Amino acid sequence: MKPKPIFSLLVALTLASSAFAQEEDLLGLLGKEEPKKEFVFNAFKSSRVIMSHSMEMLRPGVLDFRILHRFGLVNRGIDELFGLDDASIRLGFDYGISNKLTVGFGRAGYKKELDFFLKYRPVQQATGPKASPVSVLVLGGTTLSTLQFSDTSRSNFFSSRMSYYGQLILGSKFNESFTMQLMPTMVHRNLVFTKDDPSDVFAVGIGSRLKLSKRISLNVDYYYVVNQEHYYTSVTNKLKLHNPLSVGFDIETGGHVFQLHFTNAVGMNERVFLTETTNDWGKGDIQFGFNISRAFQIKKKKS
């Protein structure tokens, strides 16, 4: 007996529907993968904005040799070649222990000061499921002055040479061109000149990067100091403090990163530029400087 036309049509439609469903499932497996969590890198060209630490970390096994060089005040005129006759320097070594932890130390000519720091990133910005839109970093450091005590007639203690600072960095790379971070900071000094000079100084910083080309970016680094208005050079002499502001360019050339900048900041670590910046941008108290970063991979990368 010949099959009825309706029965044959139903069988054909069932087989076609099954084949279409199997094809759709196969295309779904091939073309619609589950989104993955991807971490964000290259928020800044280096681990520094200009003065400040950036939200960028060193890779594990990378040693970053840093040379910070700053000339004198531009407004000194042609007699001192607009500050180029005068200079101060800091040499430093930073090392990436892991993706989350960096350590470093340096020595600056200004006040012959040593500095040490630990930088830890518990949260890294990422995209995808359960991703954080910001990076969170914690920074802690100490400084040690090696200058001779100015008053040797009194009892001087080793602890008086030391200061400490702590910082929280909250940053986000908004797109390939723009990054910004917020930096609440506290500095503690064991020794101050007068009771009016606070031992604990609080400040809030902002750092940003604007990408101009593949290898060049514009960087801005600024701090608002909350509770200190003057810097005491002695018990009887005080100078008005100003908030440190730096503007410059990052230029990447292979393994080097050059940072050319103008700043009113005094010194090259957090204790100094947050508590001793007496230069005023409005009066032309500006210094030209440059930072050089050279990274070395001294530990083999894990395969």
Protein backbone atom coordinates (compact mmCIF):
# COMPACT_ATOMS: atom_id res chain seq x y z
CA MET A 1 0.00 0.00 0.00
CA LYS A 2 1.32 3.44 -0.88
CA PRO A 3 1.85 5.79 2.08
CA LYS A 4 -0.61 8.59 2.37
CA PRO A 5 0.66 12.01 1.24
CA ILE A 6 -0.03 13.64 4.64
CA PHE A 7 1.92 10.94 6.53
CA SER A 8 4.86 11.34 4.16
CA LEU A 9 4.81 15.12 4.60
CA LEU A 10 4.84 14.81 8.40
CA VAL A 11 7.80 12.44 8.32
CA ALA A 12 9.71 14.81 6.02
CA LEU A 13 9.01 17.84 8.23
CA THR A 14 10.13 15.94 11.37
CA LEU A 15 13.41 14.89 9.77
CA ALA A 16 14.06 18.42 8.45
CA SER A 17 13.32 19.97 11.84
CA SER A 18 15.70 17.54 13.57
CA ALA A 19 18.46 18.24 11.06
CA PHE A 20 18.00 22.02 11.42
CA ALA A 21 18.15 21.81 15.22
CA GLN A 22 21.34 19.76 15.10
CA GLU A 23 22.91 22.25 12.70
CA GLU A 24 21.90 25.19 14.92
CA ASP A 25 23.43 23.49 17.98
CA LEU A 26 26.65 22.88 16.07
CA LEU A 27 26.85 26.50 14.89
CA GLY A 28 26.19 27.65 18.44
CA LEU A 29 29.11 25.61 19.70
CA LEU A 30 31.39 26.93 16.98
CA GLY A 31 30.38 30.59 16.85
CA LYS A 32 28.99 31.52 20.25
CA GLU A 33 31.73 30.87 22.82
CA GLU A 34 31.30 31.80 26.45
CA PRO A 35 32.82 35.24 27.19
CA LYS A 36 36.13 35.01 29.07
CA LYS A 37 37.63 37.24 31.74
CA GLU A 38 40.53 39.22 30.28
CA PHE A 39 42.82 41.43 32.35
CA VAL A 40 43.61 44.99 31.23
CA PHE A 41 47.26 45.91 30.65
CA ASN A 42 49.23 48.94 29.40
CA ALA A 43 47.20 51.52 31.30
CA PHE A 44 50.46 53.53 31.49
CA LYS A 45 53.73 53.23 29.60
CA SER A 46 55.61 52.53 32.83
CA SER A 47 55.08 51.91 36.53
CA ARG A 48 55.14 55.69 37.17
CA VAL A 49 52.83 58.48 36.03
CA ILE A 50 55.55 61.12 36.49
CA MET A 51 56.23 61.52 40.20
CA SER A 52 53.65 59.00 41.38
CA HIS A 53 53.39 55.26 41.09
CA SER A 54 50.94 54.26 38.39
CA MET A 55 48.40 51.42 38.39
CA GLU A 56 50.75 49.55 36.02
CA MET A 57 52.85 46.75 37.52
CA LEU A 58 56.12 45.18 36.50
CA ARG A 59 55.94 41.68 35.08
CA PRO A 60 57.48 38.87 37.19
CA GLY A 61 61.26 38.71 36.90
CA VAL A 62 61.59 42.22 35.41
CA LEU A 63 64.16 44.62 36.90
CA ASP A 64 63.43 48.27 36.13
CA PHE A 65 66.47 50.55 36.43
CA ARG A 66 65.22 54.12 36.80
CA ILE A 67 67.14 57.40 36.48
CA LEU A 68 65.28 60.52 37.62
CA HIS A 69 66.99 63.76 36.66
CA ARG A 70 65.70 67.24 37.46
CA PHE A 71 67.27 70.60 36.64
CA GLY A 72 66.99 73.92 38.46
CA LEU A 73 64.30 76.58 38.21
CA VAL A 74 63.51 77.83 34.72
CA ASN A 75 62.92 81.41 35.95
CA ARG A 76 66.58 81.81 36.96
CA GLY A 77 67.19 83.06 33.47
CA ILE A 78 70.02 82.90 31.00
CA ASP A 79 72.72 83.32 33.65
CA GLU A 80 72.03 79.77 34.81
CA LEU A 81 70.83 78.59 31.39
CA PHE A 82 67.23 78.51 32.61
CA GLY A 83 68.06 76.04 35.35
CA LEU A 84 70.22 73.66 33.31
CA ASP A 85 73.34 74.58 35.31
CA ASP A 86 71.78 73.00 38.40
CA ALA A 87 70.56 69.43 38.77
CA SER A 88 69.50 66.72 41.24
CA ILE A 89 69.19 63.00 40.61
CA ARG A 90 67.65 59.80 41.97
CA LEU A 91 68.76 56.29 41.02
CA GLY A 92 66.40 53.40 41.68
CA PHE A 93 65.79 49.71 41.10
CA ASP A 94 62.29 48.20 40.99
CA TYR A 95 61.70 44.46 40.71
CA GLY A 96 58.57 42.50 39.84
CA ILE A 97 58.24 39.55 42.21
CA SER A 98 54.87 38.55 40.76
CA ASN A 99 52.03 40.07 38.77
CA LYS A 100 50.68 41.41 42.05
CA LEU A 101 53.82 42.44 43.95
CA THR A 102 56.68 44.85 43.17
CA VAL A 103 59.50 45.99 45.47
CA GLY A 104 61.99 48.80 44.97
CA PHE A 105 64.55 51.12 46.48
CA GLY A 106 66.44 54.24 45.47
CA ARG A 107 68.78 56.96 46.56
CA ALA A 108 68.29 60.68 45.86
CA GLY A 109 70.86 63.44 45.99
CA TYR A 110 68.37 65.82 47.62
CA LYS A 111 68.99 65.46 51.36
CA LYS A 112 70.93 62.26 50.56
CA GLU A 113 67.80 60.23 51.17
CA LEU A 114 67.22 56.50 50.74
CA ASP A 115 63.72 55.21 49.99
CA PHE A 116 62.13 51.76 49.94
CA PHE A 117 58.65 50.63 48.88
CA LEU A 118 56.30 47.68 48.46
CA LYS A 119 53.53 47.84 45.86
CA TYR A 120 50.71 45.28 45.90
CA ARG A 121 47.75 44.89 43.54
CA PRO A 122 44.90 42.82 45.05
CA VAL A 123 42.46 43.72 42.25
CA GLN A 124 43.26 44.13 38.55
CA GLN A 125 40.94 45.76 36.03
CA ALA A 126 39.46 43.27 33.60
CA THR A 127 36.67 42.69 31.09
CA GLY A 128 34.23 39.80 30.93
CA PRO A 129 32.22 37.95 33.61
CA LYS A 130 32.86 38.89 37.25
CA ALA A 131 35.41 41.48 36.14
CA SER A 132 36.39 44.62 38.06
CA PRO A 133 36.17 47.93 36.15
CA VAL A 134 39.03 49.36 38.25
CA SER A 135 42.42 48.29 39.54
CA VAL A 136 43.09 48.58 43.27
CA LEU A 137 46.68 48.88 44.51
CA VAL A 138 48.20 49.39 47.95
CA LEU A 139 51.56 51.10 48.31
CA GLY A 140 53.72 51.43 51.40
CA GLY A 141 57.16 52.92 51.76
CA THR A 142 59.77 54.42 54.04
CA THR A 143 62.48 57.04 53.63
CA LEU A 144 65.76 57.43 55.48
CA SER A 145 67.76 60.66 55.56
CA THR A 146 71.54 60.21 55.76
CA LEU A 147 72.36 63.88 56.34
CA GLN A 148 74.17 64.86 59.51
CA PHE A 149 71.88 66.25 62.20
CA SER A 150 71.85 70.05 62.16
CA ASP A 151 71.86 70.31 65.96
CA THR A 152 74.45 67.95 67.44
CA SER A 153 74.15 69.42 70.95
CA ARG A 154 70.87 67.63 71.61
CA SER A 155 70.07 63.92 71.76
CA ASN A 156 69.46 62.67 68.22
CA PHE A 157 67.91 59.30 67.45
CA PHE A 158 68.12 57.09 64.39
CA SER A 159 64.33 56.95 64.23
CA SER A 160 64.29 60.72 63.68
CA ARG A 161 65.79 60.11 60.25
CA MET A 162 62.84 58.05 59.12
CA SER A 163 59.47 58.81 57.56
CA TYR A 164 56.75 56.56 56.21
CA TYR A 165 54.00 56.81 53.66
CA GLY A 166 50.99 54.78 52.58
CA GLN A 167 48.89 55.13 49.46
CA LEU A 168 45.79 53.62 47.87
CA ILE A 169 45.61 53.69 44.07
CA LEU A 170 42.22 53.38 42.35
CA GLY A 171 42.62 53.46 38.57
CA SER A 172 40.82 52.62 35.38
CA LYS A 173 41.81 52.42 31.73
CA PHE A 174 38.65 53.85 30.17
CA ASN A 175 39.72 53.07 26.60
CA GLU A 176 42.89 52.66 24.54
CA SER A 177 43.55 56.41 24.73
CA PHE A 178 42.69 57.51 28.26
CA THR A 179 43.58 56.34 31.78
CA MET A 180 42.94 58.01 35.14
CA GLN A 181 43.70 57.11 38.74
CA LEU A 182 42.95 58.51 42.19
CA MET A 183 45.61 58.38 44.95
CA PRO A 184 44.68 59.13 48.59
CA THR A 185 47.98 59.33 50.49
CA MET A 186 49.30 59.74 54.02
CA VAL A 187 52.85 60.66 55.05
CA HIS A 188 54.12 60.27 58.61
CA ARG A 189 57.31 62.01 59.78
CA ASN A 190 58.99 60.99 63.01
CA LEU A 191 60.66 64.40 63.37
CA VAL A 192 59.20 67.84 62.60
CA PHE A 193 60.52 71.32 63.44
CA THR A 194 57.59 72.72 65.44
CA LYS A 195 54.32 71.64 67.03
CA ASP A 196 52.53 73.54 64.24
CA ASP A 197 54.12 71.27 61.64
CA PRO A 198 51.95 68.11 61.54
CA SER A 199 53.59 64.73 61.81
CA ASP A 200 50.85 63.19 59.64
CA VAL A 201 50.21 64.84 56.30
CA PHE A 202 47.25 63.84 54.13
CA ALA A 203 46.93 64.40 50.38
CA VAL A 204 44.80 63.31 47.43
CA GLY A 205 46.43 62.83 44.04
CA ILE A 206 45.19 62.46 40.48
CA GLY A 207 47.21 60.89 37.68
CA SER A 208 46.16 60.59 34.06
CA ARG A 209 47.47 59.51 30.67
CA LEU A 210 46.25 60.56 27.23
CA LYS A 211 47.63 58.54 24.32
CA LEU A 212 48.78 60.78 21.45
CA SER A 213 50.34 58.18 19.18
CA LYS A 214 51.57 54.59 19.30
CA ARG A 215 54.67 55.55 21.31
CA ILE A 216 53.87 58.98 22.84
CA SER A 217 51.44 59.98 25.59
CA LEU A 218 50.63 63.10 27.61
CA ASN A 219 50.76 62.59 31.39
CA VAL A 220 49.53 64.78 34.25
CA ASP A 221 50.34 64.23 37.93
CA TYR A 222 48.79 66.43 40.67
CA TYR A 223 48.34 66.34 44.46
CA TYR A 224 46.18 68.41 46.77
CA VAL A 225 47.78 68.55 50.22
CA VAL A 226 45.03 68.72 52.82
CA ASN A 227 46.52 69.76 56.16
CA GLN A 228 49.92 71.42 55.70
CA GLU A 229 50.35 75.01 54.57
CA HIS A 230 54.00 75.80 55.34
CA TYR A 231 57.37 74.13 55.25
CA TYR A 232 59.61 74.95 58.22
CA THR A 233 63.28 75.20 57.25
CA SER A 234 63.99 76.00 60.90
CA VAL A 235 62.01 76.78 64.03
CA THR A 236 61.83 80.46 63.08
CA ASN A 237 61.68 80.30 59.28
CA LYS A 238 58.73 78.97 57.29
CA LEU A 239 57.89 79.04 53.58
CA LYS A 240 54.48 78.74 51.97
CA LEU A 241 53.79 75.33 50.45
CA HIS A 242 52.17 74.69 47.08
CA ASN A 243 50.49 71.62 45.65
CA PRO A 244 52.85 69.64 43.39
CA LEU A 245 51.86 69.57 39.71
CA SER A 246 53.78 67.82 36.92
CA VAL A 247 53.01 67.75 33.20
CA GLY A 248 55.02 65.73 30.71
CA PHE A 249 55.30 63.28 27.86
CA ASP A 250 56.10 59.57 27.81
CA ILE A 251 58.14 58.42 24.82
CA GLU A 252 58.62 54.69 24.35
CA THR A 253 61.67 53.48 22.40
CA GLY A 254 61.95 49.70 22.59
CA GLY A 255 63.10 48.70 26.07
CA HIS A 256 63.34 52.33 27.24
CA VAL A 257 60.67 54.77 28.36
CA PHE A 258 61.65 58.45 28.43
CA GLN A 259 59.54 60.83 30.49
CA LEU A 260 60.10 64.53 29.74
CA HIS A 261 58.28 66.81 32.16
CA PHE A 262 57.89 70.20 33.81
CA THR A 263 57.13 70.35 37.53
CA ASN A 264 57.14 72.53 40.63
CA ALA A 265 57.69 69.49 42.87
CA VAL A 266 60.71 69.50 45.15
CA GLY A 267 62.36 66.14 45.57
CA MET A 268 61.56 62.77 44.02
CA ASN A 269 59.78 60.72 46.65
CA GLU A 270 56.40 61.07 48.36
CA ARG A 271 57.74 62.45 51.62
CA VAL A 272 59.58 65.30 49.93
CA PHE A 273 57.23 66.45 47.19
CA LEU A 274 54.17 66.31 49.49
CA THR A 275 55.73 68.15 52.45
CA GLU A 276 58.42 70.44 50.98
CA THR A 277 57.16 71.80 47.64
CA THR A 278 57.63 75.55 48.00
CA ASN A 279 57.84 76.26 44.26
CA ASP A 280 54.95 78.18 42.69
CA TRP A 281 53.86 77.59 39.07
CA GLY A 282 52.33 81.09 39.01
CA LYS A 283 55.74 82.67 39.69
CA GLY A 284 57.59 80.53 37.16
CA ASP A 285 59.13 78.27 39.81
CA ILE A 286 59.20 75.40 37.34
CA GLN A 287 61.84 72.75 36.80
CA PHE A 288 62.47 70.74 33.66
CA GLY A 289 63.35 67.11 34.17
CA PHE A 290 63.41 63.68 32.65
CA ASN A 291 62.99 60.11 33.85
CA ILE A 292 64.54 57.13 32.08
CA SER A 293 63.25 53.61 32.62
CA ARG A 294 65.18 50.58 31.32
CA ALA A 295 63.63 47.16 31.93
CA PHE A 296 65.64 43.94 32.08
CA GLN A 297 64.12 40.44 32.06
CA ILE A 298 66.49 38.79 34.54
CA LYS A 299 64.30 35.79 35.34
CA LYS A 300 63.00 33.46 32.64
CA LYS A 301 59.33 33.78 31.81
CA LYS A 302 57.15 30.82 32.67
CA SER A 303 56.00 28.95 29.60
